[in-house]
C-alpha atoms as a PDB file:
ATOM      1  CA  UNK A   1      31.068 310.744 259.881  1.00  0.00           C
ATOM      2  CA  UNK A   2      27.051 312.447 260.271  1.00  0.00           C
ATOM      3  CA  UNK A   3      26.958 315.185 257.330  1.00  0.00           C
ATOM      4  CA  UNK A   4      25.017 318.103 258.957  1.00  0.00           C
ATOM      5  CA  UNK A   5      23.660 321.345 257.433  1.00  0.00           C
ATOM      6  CA  UNK A   6      22.454 324.165 259.758  1.00  0.00           C
ATOM      7  CA  UNK A   7      19.576 325.963 258.226  1.00  0.00           C
ATOM      8  CA  UNK A   8      18.858 329.493 260.642  1.00  0.00           C
ATOM      9  CA  UNK A   9      18.605 333.469 259.411  1.00  0.00           C
ATOM     10  CA  UNK A  10      20.609 334.422 262.261  1.00  0.00           C
ATOM     11  CA  UNK A  11      24.622 334.069 261.861  1.00  0.00           C
ATOM     12  CA  UNK A  12      25.188 334.234 265.667  1.00  0.00           C
ATOM     13  CA  UNK A  13      22.400 331.112 266.300  1.00  0.00           C
ATOM     14  CA  UNK A  14      24.722 328.659 263.585  1.00  0.00           C
ATOM     15  CA  UNK A  15      28.046 329.756 265.350  1.00  0.00           C
ATOM     16  CA  UNK A  16      26.647 328.472 268.102  1.00  0.00           C
ATOM     17  CA  UNK A  17      25.488 325.474 266.729  1.00  0.00           C
ATOM     18  CA  UNK A  18      28.553 325.138 265.329  1.00  0.00           C
ATOM     19  CA  UNK A  19      30.862 325.703 268.603  1.00  0.00           C
ATOM     20  CA  UNK A  20      28.232 323.051 270.713  1.00  0.00           C
ATOM     21  CA  UNK A  21      29.227 320.472 268.053  1.00  0.00           C
ATOM     22  CA  UNK A  22      32.959 320.574 268.099  1.00  0.00           C
ATOM     23  CA  UNK A  23      32.504 318.132 271.273  1.00  0.00           C
ATOM     24  CA  UNK A  24      31.041 316.111 268.845  1.00  0.00           C
ATOM     25  CA  UNK A  25      33.308 314.988 266.464  1.00  0.00           C
ATOM     26  CA  UNK A  26      31.620 312.376 264.279  1.00  0.00           C
ATOM     27  CA  UNK A  27      29.357 315.719 263.182  1.00  0.00           C
ATOM     28  CA  UNK A  28      30.668 317.165 260.425  1.00  0.00           C
ATOM     29  CA  UNK A  29      28.865 320.625 259.563  1.00  0.00           C
ATOM     30  CA  UNK A  30      28.526 320.677 255.016  1.00  0.00           C
ATOM     31  CA  UNK A  31      26.679 323.597 254.948  1.00  0.00           C
ATOM     32  CA  UNK A  32      25.150 326.422 256.807  1.00  0.00           C
ATOM     33  CA  UNK A  33      21.824 328.530 255.110  1.00  0.00           C
ATOM     34  CA  UNK A  34      20.189 331.813 256.054  1.00  0.00           C
ATOM     35  CA  UNK A  35      16.833 330.678 254.365  1.00  0.00           C
ATOM     36  CA  UNK A  36      14.211 327.946 253.440  1.00  0.00           C
ATOM     37  CA  UNK A  37      14.896 328.417 249.833  1.00  0.00           C
ATOM     38  CA  UNK A  38      18.835 328.284 250.302  1.00  0.00           C
ATOM     39  CA  UNK A  39      18.442 325.154 252.526  1.00  0.00           C
ATOM     40  CA  UNK A  40      16.341 322.973 250.002  1.00  0.00           C
ATOM     41  CA  UNK A  41      18.747 323.682 247.242  1.00  0.00           C
ATOM     42  CA  UNK A  42      22.014 322.588 249.422  1.00  0.00           C
ATOM     43  CA  UNK A  43      19.996 319.735 250.993  1.00  0.00           C
ATOM     44  CA  UNK A  44      19.041 318.148 247.691  1.00  0.00           C
ATOM     45  CA  UNK A  45      23.227 318.743 246.707  1.00  0.00           C
ATOM     46  CA  UNK A  46      24.499 317.571 249.762  1.00  0.00           C
ATOM     47  CA  UNK A  47      21.977 315.182 251.307  1.00  0.00           C
ATOM     48  CA  UNK A  48      22.802 315.137 254.853  1.00  0.00           C
ATOM     49  CA  UNK A  49      21.902 312.334 257.215  1.00  0.00           C
ATOM     50  CA  UNK A  50      20.818 315.836 259.883  1.00  0.00           C
ATOM     51  CA  UNK A  51      19.861 319.364 259.605  1.00  0.00           C
ATOM     52  CA  UNK A  52      19.490 322.080 262.363  1.00  0.00           C
ATOM     53  CA  UNK A  53      16.810 323.951 261.393  1.00  0.00           C
ATOM     54  CA  UNK A  54      15.307 327.217 262.560  1.00  0.00           C
ATOM     55  CA  UNK A  55      11.226 327.804 261.828  1.00  0.00           C
ATOM     56  CA  UNK A  56      10.613 331.566 261.877  1.00  0.00           C
ATOM     57  CA  UNK A  57      12.599 332.545 258.490  1.00  0.00           C
ATOM     58  CA  UNK A  58      12.211 334.930 255.674  1.00  0.00           C
ATOM     59  CA  UNK A  59      10.883 333.398 252.504  1.00  0.00           C
ATOM     60  CA  UNK A  60       9.452 330.172 253.535  1.00  0.00           C
ATOM     61  CA  UNK A  61       9.497 329.179 257.293  1.00  0.00           C
ATOM     62  CA  UNK A  62      11.167 325.285 258.552  1.00  0.00           C
ATOM     63  CA  UNK A  63       8.092 323.606 257.790  1.00  0.00           C
ATOM     64  CA  UNK A  64       7.145 325.027 254.262  1.00  0.00           C
ATOM     65  CA  UNK A  65      11.042 323.689 253.720  1.00  0.00           C
ATOM     66  CA  UNK A  66      10.278 320.173 254.919  1.00  0.00           C
ATOM     67  CA  UNK A  67       7.185 319.674 253.129  1.00  0.00           C
ATOM     68  CA  UNK A  68       8.941 320.265 249.825  1.00  0.00           C
ATOM     69  CA  UNK A  69      11.347 317.775 250.225  1.00  0.00           C
ATOM     70  CA  UNK A  70      10.949 314.198 248.917  1.00  0.00           C
ATOM     71  CA  UNK A  71      12.716 312.557 251.919  1.00  0.00           C
ATOM     72  CA  UNK A  72      13.872 314.711 254.803  1.00  0.00           C
ATOM     73  CA  UNK A  73      16.742 314.180 256.617  1.00  0.00           C
ATOM     74  CA  UNK A  74      16.693 313.822 260.726  1.00  0.00           C
ATOM     75  CA  UNK A  75      15.687 317.213 261.967  1.00  0.00           C
ATOM     76  CA  UNK A  76      16.589 318.813 265.336  1.00  0.00           C
ATOM     77  CA  UNK A  77      14.409 321.939 265.392  1.00  0.00           C
ATOM     78  CA  UNK A  78      15.990 325.359 266.702  1.00  0.00           C
ATOM     79  CA  UNK A  79      13.526 327.705 267.170  1.00  0.00           C
ATOM     80  CA  UNK A  80      11.609 330.035 269.632  1.00  0.00           C
ATOM     81  CA  UNK A  81       8.413 328.276 268.800  1.00  0.00           C
ATOM     82  CA  UNK A  82       4.925 329.435 271.195  1.00  0.00           C
ATOM     83  CA  UNK A  83       4.075 326.618 273.723  1.00  0.00           C
ATOM     84  CA  UNK A  84       0.785 325.663 271.890  1.00  0.00           C
ATOM     85  CA  UNK A  85       3.421 324.236 269.111  1.00  0.00           C
ATOM     86  CA  UNK A  86       6.044 323.249 271.770  1.00  0.00           C
ATOM     87  CA  UNK A  87       3.156 320.916 272.358  1.00  0.00           C
ATOM     88  CA  UNK A  88       2.729 319.394 268.815  1.00  0.00           C
ATOM     89  CA  UNK A  89       6.659 318.835 268.639  1.00  0.00           C
ATOM     90  CA  UNK A  90       6.246 316.705 272.183  1.00  0.00           C
ATOM     91  CA  UNK A  91       3.771 314.646 270.613  1.00  0.00           C
ATOM     92  CA  UNK A  92       5.600 313.431 267.927  1.00  0.00           C
ATOM     93  CA  UNK A  93       8.539 312.755 269.963  1.00  0.00           C
ATOM     94  CA  UNK A  94      10.643 314.910 267.435  1.00  0.00           C
ATOM     95  CA  UNK A  95      13.558 316.778 269.698  1.00  0.00           C
ATOM     96  CA  UNK A  96      13.780 320.700 268.978  1.00  0.00           C
ATOM     97  CA  UNK A  97      16.010 323.438 270.759  1.00  0.00           C
ATOM     98  CA  UNK A  98      14.259 326.219 272.417  1.00  0.00           C
ATOM     99  CA  UNK A  99      15.994 329.556 271.791  1.00  0.00           C
ATOM    100  CA  UNK A 100      18.389 330.410 273.996  1.00  0.00           C
ATOM    101  CA  UNK A 101      19.619 326.392 274.482  1.00  0.00           C
ATOM    102  CA  UNK A 102      22.606 325.432 277.105  1.00  0.00           C
ATOM    103  CA  UNK A 103      25.329 323.158 275.656  1.00  0.00           C
ATOM    104  CA  UNK A 104      23.762 320.453 277.899  1.00  0.00           C
ATOM    105  CA  UNK A 105      20.047 320.740 276.545  1.00  0.00           C
ATOM    106  CA  UNK A 106      22.520 320.796 273.071  1.00  0.00           C
ATOM    107  CA  UNK A 107      23.963 317.228 273.960  1.00  0.00           C
ATOM    108  CA  UNK A 108      20.546 315.927 275.073  1.00  0.00           C
ATOM    109  CA  UNK A 109      19.064 316.223 271.648  1.00  0.00           C
ATOM    110  CA  UNK A 110      21.757 314.928 269.880  1.00  0.00           C
ATOM    111  CA  UNK A 111      21.902 311.774 272.260  1.00  0.00           C
ATOM    112  CA  UNK A 112      18.178 311.316 271.193  1.00  0.00           C
ATOM    113  CA  UNK A 113      18.850 312.158 267.590  1.00  0.00           C
ATOM    114  CA  UNK A 114      21.263 308.945 268.041  1.00  0.00           C
ATOM    115  CA  UNK A 115      19.134 306.909 269.799  1.00  0.00           C
ATOM    116  CA  UNK A 116      15.992 307.279 266.949  1.00  0.00           C
ATOM    117  CA  UNK A 117      18.088 306.745 264.039  1.00  0.00           C
ATOM    118  CA  UNK A 118      15.394 306.794 260.892  1.00  0.00           C
ATOM    119  CA  UNK A 119      12.682 306.691 263.122  1.00  0.00           C
ATOM    120  CA  UNK A 120      12.826 310.708 262.983  1.00  0.00           C
ATOM    121  CA  UNK A 121      11.475 311.014 258.943  1.00  0.00           C
ATOM    122  CA  UNK A 122       8.129 309.422 260.635  1.00  0.00           C
ATOM    123  CA  UNK A 123       8.101 311.026 263.407  1.00  0.00           C
ATOM    124  CA  UNK A 124       8.942 314.975 260.687  1.00  0.00           C
ATOM    125  CA  UNK A 125       5.896 313.330 258.457  1.00  0.00           C
ATOM    126  CA  UNK A 126       3.560 313.098 261.322  1.00  0.00           C
ATOM    127  CA  UNK A 127       4.179 316.914 262.758  1.00  0.00           C
ATOM    128  CA  UNK A 128       4.008 318.306 259.308  1.00  0.00           C
ATOM    129  CA  UNK A 129       0.028 316.670 258.996  1.00  0.00           C
ATOM    130  CA  UNK A 130      -0.563 317.481 262.972  1.00  0.00           C
ATOM    131  CA  UNK A 131       0.419 321.362 262.679  1.00  0.00           C
ATOM    132  CA  UNK A 132      -1.021 324.125 261.233  1.00  0.00           C
ATOM    133  CA  UNK A 133       1.018 327.093 260.455  1.00  0.00           C
ATOM    134  CA  UNK A 134      -0.519 331.020 260.333  1.00  0.00           C
ATOM    135  CA  UNK A 135       1.394 331.317 256.753  1.00  0.00           C
ATOM    136  CA  UNK A 136      -0.825 328.233 255.119  1.00  0.00           C
ATOM    137  CA  UNK A 137      -4.490 330.272 255.553  1.00  0.00           C
ATOM    138  CA  UNK A 138      -2.866 333.068 253.078  1.00  0.00           C
ATOM    139  CA  UNK A 139      -0.292 330.577 250.846  1.00  0.00           C
ATOM    140  CA  UNK A 140       0.366 327.470 249.919  1.00  0.00           C
ATOM    141  CA  UNK A 141       4.605 326.558 248.876  1.00  0.00           C
ATOM    142  CA  UNK A 142       5.158 324.183 245.996  1.00  0.00           C
ATOM    143  CA  UNK A 143       8.252 322.526 243.381  1.00  0.00           C
ATOM    144  CA  UNK A 144       8.271 323.390 240.225  1.00  0.00           C
ATOM    145  CA  UNK A 145      11.054 321.799 238.587  1.00  0.00           C
ATOM    146  CA  UNK A 146      14.530 322.861 240.807  1.00  0.00           C
ATOM    147  CA  UNK A 147      12.111 326.175 241.296  1.00  0.00           C
ATOM    148  CA  UNK A 148      10.120 326.952 244.635  1.00  0.00           C
ATOM    149  CA  UNK A 149       6.871 329.061 244.178  1.00  0.00           C
ATOM    150  CA  UNK A 150       4.848 330.503 246.419  1.00  0.00           C
ATOM    151  CA  UNK A 151       1.066 330.229 245.329  1.00  0.00           C
ATOM    152  CA  UNK A 152      -0.760 333.373 247.028  1.00  0.00           C
ATOM    153  CA  UNK A 153      -4.572 331.019 247.971  1.00  0.00           C
ATOM    154  CA  UNK A 154      -6.234 333.737 245.925  1.00  0.00           C
ATOM    155  CA  UNK A 155      -4.503 332.237 242.701  1.00  0.00           C
ATOM    156  CA  UNK A 156      -5.779 328.472 243.404  1.00  0.00           C
ATOM    157  CA  UNK A 157      -8.646 327.805 240.978  1.00  0.00           C
ATOM    158  CA  UNK A 158      -9.253 324.507 242.946  1.00  0.00           C
ATOM    159  CA  UNK A 159      -7.646 321.227 245.252  1.00  0.00           C
ATOM    160  CA  UNK A 160      -7.849 317.934 244.363  1.00  0.00           C
ATOM    161  CA  UNK A 161      -7.048 314.597 245.868  1.00  0.00           C
ATOM    162  CA  UNK A 162      -3.892 312.679 244.153  1.00  0.00           C
ATOM    163  CA  UNK A 163      -3.617 309.234 246.272  1.00  0.00           C
ATOM    164  CA  UNK A 164      -0.990 310.179 248.917  1.00  0.00           C
ATOM    165  CA  UNK A 165      -0.571 314.156 247.221  1.00  0.00           C
ATOM    166  CA  UNK A 166      -2.912 316.910 246.401  1.00  0.00           C
ATOM    167  CA  UNK A 167      -3.121 318.804 242.829  1.00  0.00           C
ATOM    168  CA  UNK A 168      -3.559 322.630 243.838  1.00  0.00           C
ATOM    169  CA  UNK A 169      -4.502 323.868 240.700  1.00  0.00           C
ATOM    170  CA  UNK A 170      -4.008 327.508 239.126  1.00  0.00           C
ATOM    171  CA  UNK A 171      -3.886 329.046 235.869  1.00  0.00           C
ATOM    172  CA  UNK A 172      -0.759 327.666 235.516  1.00  0.00           C
ATOM    173  CA  UNK A 173      -1.501 324.040 235.560  1.00  0.00           C
ATOM    174  CA  UNK A 174      -1.157 322.203 238.951  1.00  0.00           C
ATOM    175  CA  UNK A 175       1.451 321.859 240.785  1.00  0.00           C
ATOM    176  CA  UNK A 176       1.237 318.489 243.479  1.00  0.00           C
ATOM    177  CA  UNK A 177       1.846 319.047 247.181  1.00  0.00           C
ATOM    178  CA  UNK A 178       1.897 316.262 250.017  1.00  0.00           C
ATOM    179  CA  UNK A 179      -1.031 316.826 252.041  1.00  0.00           C
ATOM    180  CA  UNK A 180      -4.137 315.791 252.403  1.00  0.00           C
ATOM    181  CA  UNK A 181      -7.588 317.116 251.552  1.00  0.00           C
ATOM    182  CA  UNK A 182      -8.517 317.283 255.006  1.00  0.00           C
ATOM    183  CA  UNK A 183      -5.708 319.457 255.948  1.00  0.00           C
ATOM    184  CA  UNK A 184      -6.476 322.331 253.812  1.00  0.00           C
ATOM    185  CA  UNK A 185     -10.216 321.996 254.446  1.00  0.00           C
ATOM    186  CA  UNK A 186      -9.139 322.429 258.054  1.00  0.00           C
ATOM    187  CA  UNK A 187      -6.734 325.191 257.367  1.00  0.00           C
ATOM    188  CA  UNK A 188      -8.003 327.543 254.612  1.00  0.00           C
ATOM    189  CA  UNK A 189     -10.324 330.106 254.746  1.00  0.00           C
ATOM    190  CA  UNK A 190     -13.856 328.061 254.889  1.00  0.00           C
ATOM    191  CA  UNK A 191     -15.833 330.765 253.236  1.00  0.00           C
ATOM    192  CA  UNK A 192     -13.463 330.825 250.385  1.00  0.00           C
ATOM    193  CA  UNK A 193     -12.512 327.294 249.856  1.00  0.00           C
ATOM    194  CA  UNK A 194     -15.723 325.150 250.321  1.00  0.00           C
ATOM    195  CA  UNK A 195     -15.233 321.131 250.052  1.00  0.00           C
ATOM    196  CA  UNK A 196     -17.799 320.237 247.662  1.00  0.00           C
ATOM    197  CA  UNK A 197     -16.674 316.199 247.043  1.00  0.00           C
ATOM    198  CA  UNK A 198     -14.435 314.131 248.597  1.00  0.00           C
ATOM    199  CA  UNK A 199     -11.820 314.558 246.354  1.00  0.00           C
ATOM    200  CA  UNK A 200     -12.705 318.581 245.473  1.00  0.00           C
ATOM    201  CA  UNK A 201     -11.981 321.637 247.668  1.00  0.00           C
ATOM    202  CA  UNK A 202     -13.359 324.794 245.463  1.00  0.00           C
ATOM    203  CA  UNK A 203     -12.311 328.382 245.363  1.00  0.00           C
ATOM    204  CA  UNK A 204     -16.057 329.791 245.945  1.00  0.00           C
ATOM    205  CA  UNK A 205     -14.519 332.912 243.902  1.00  0.00           C
ATOM    206  CA  UNK A 206     -13.832 331.233 240.562  1.00  0.00           C
ATOM    207  CA  UNK A 207     -17.477 329.767 240.447  1.00  0.00           C
ATOM    208  CA  UNK A 208     -19.578 331.019 237.577  1.00  0.00           C
ATOM    209  CA  UNK A 209     -22.499 328.490 237.879  1.00  0.00           C
ATOM    210  CA  UNK A 210     -23.957 325.159 238.896  1.00  0.00           C
ATOM    211  CA  UNK A 211     -25.536 323.152 236.806  1.00  0.00           C
ATOM    212  CA  UNK A 212     -27.261 319.653 236.589  1.00  0.00           C
ATOM    213  CA  UNK A 213     -25.351 316.406 235.265  1.00  0.00           C
ATOM    214  CA  UNK A 214     -27.982 314.116 235.624  1.00  0.00           C
ATOM    215  CA  UNK A 215     -31.676 314.248 237.912  1.00  0.00           C
ATOM    216  CA  UNK A 216     -29.529 313.720 240.920  1.00  0.00           C
ATOM    217  CA  UNK A 217     -25.879 315.011 240.758  1.00  0.00           C
ATOM    218  CA  UNK A 218     -24.475 318.222 239.388  1.00  0.00           C
ATOM    219  CA  UNK A 219     -21.336 320.050 238.322  1.00  0.00           C
ATOM    220  CA  UNK A 220     -19.515 323.368 239.547  1.00  0.00           C
ATOM    221  CA  UNK A 221     -18.664 325.233 236.331  1.00  0.00           C
ATOM    222  CA  UNK A 222     -15.554 327.161 236.941  1.00  0.00           C
ATOM    223  CA  UNK A 223     -14.286 330.641 235.081  1.00  0.00           C
ATOM    224  CA  UNK A 224     -11.992 328.991 233.278  1.00  0.00           C
ATOM    225  CA  UNK A 225     -13.997 326.529 231.985  1.00  0.00           C
ATOM    226  CA  UNK A 226     -13.045 323.486 234.546  1.00  0.00           C
ATOM    227  CA  UNK A 227     -16.193 321.415 235.470  1.00  0.00           C
ATOM    228  CA  UNK A 228     -15.823 320.361 239.354  1.00  0.00           C
ATOM    229  CA  UNK A 229     -18.448 317.325 240.391  1.00  0.00           C
ATOM    230  CA  UNK A 230     -20.401 318.424 243.255  1.00  0.00           C
ATOM    231  CA  UNK A 231     -21.337 315.046 245.896  1.00  0.00           C
ATOM    232  CA  UNK A 232     -24.603 315.368 247.698  1.00  0.00           C
ATOM    233  CA  UNK A 233     -23.268 316.508 250.481  1.00  0.00           C
ATOM    234  CA  UNK A 234     -21.250 319.034 248.584  1.00  0.00           C
ATOM    235  CA  UNK A 235     -24.098 320.470 246.623  1.00  0.00           C
ATOM    236  CA  UNK A 236     -26.406 321.020 249.708  1.00  0.00           C
ATOM    237  CA  UNK A 237     -22.880 323.073 251.410  1.00  0.00           C
ATOM    238  CA  UNK A 238     -22.574 324.765 248.254  1.00  0.00           C
ATOM    239  CA  UNK A 239     -25.981 326.170 248.008  1.00  0.00           C
ATOM    240  CA  UNK A 240     -26.131 326.739 251.744  1.00  0.00           C
ATOM    241  CA  UNK A 241     -22.916 328.961 251.770  1.00  0.00           C
ATOM    242  CA  UNK A 242     -24.451 331.025 248.362  1.00  0.00           C
ATOM    243  CA  UNK A 243     -28.014 330.875 250.335  1.00  0.00           C
ATOM    244  CA  UNK A 244     -29.795 329.590 247.456  1.00  0.00           C
END
């Protein structure tokens, strides 16, 4: 039996998926959720094999929800996303149902998921790393224990590389996020966040001064008192941004 969760803020959309699944008796709907917060909790509780996931939802979107999962289940997206985003879906072979979708198209998505099996997890990771979301320019969604936290980007002091994750530093400490430095360098406003070192992305609003460390190296002193190392290229970039 394939344990399935439906995550969509539109009750009619969830009803349609449930009706279409009736012709696939090996699929069992074990939960329905109206937003991404509920989705994270339901996935942790029920550990489904497959989820049907809307992208554009209140609170957090479908991509943000997936980023919070340690081991995402198989995913079939149900979405009204634009054509540009569809190209990203197609490149990474994750199936999606573009609303409104027919029973025939639904059945093809089911068949595709069955044939790909566990490869779905790899495709999900590839997609999350390839697509830029407009919301990411203004917020970062993280987990703190069992709670979900939305961090406005202006509250972020700096971002630090940490193995396969990054540490998002704020006044409340740091939060781990499974993203790359290159990703945040691309999506965050370059007038606000400056890559000053291969391991550090600095919020310019937090900078108080630049100090020499040795003859040829410097550090950035932040309002919080933290000292962030500057690479030679990062120091030059920071000087250019500051006009000094």
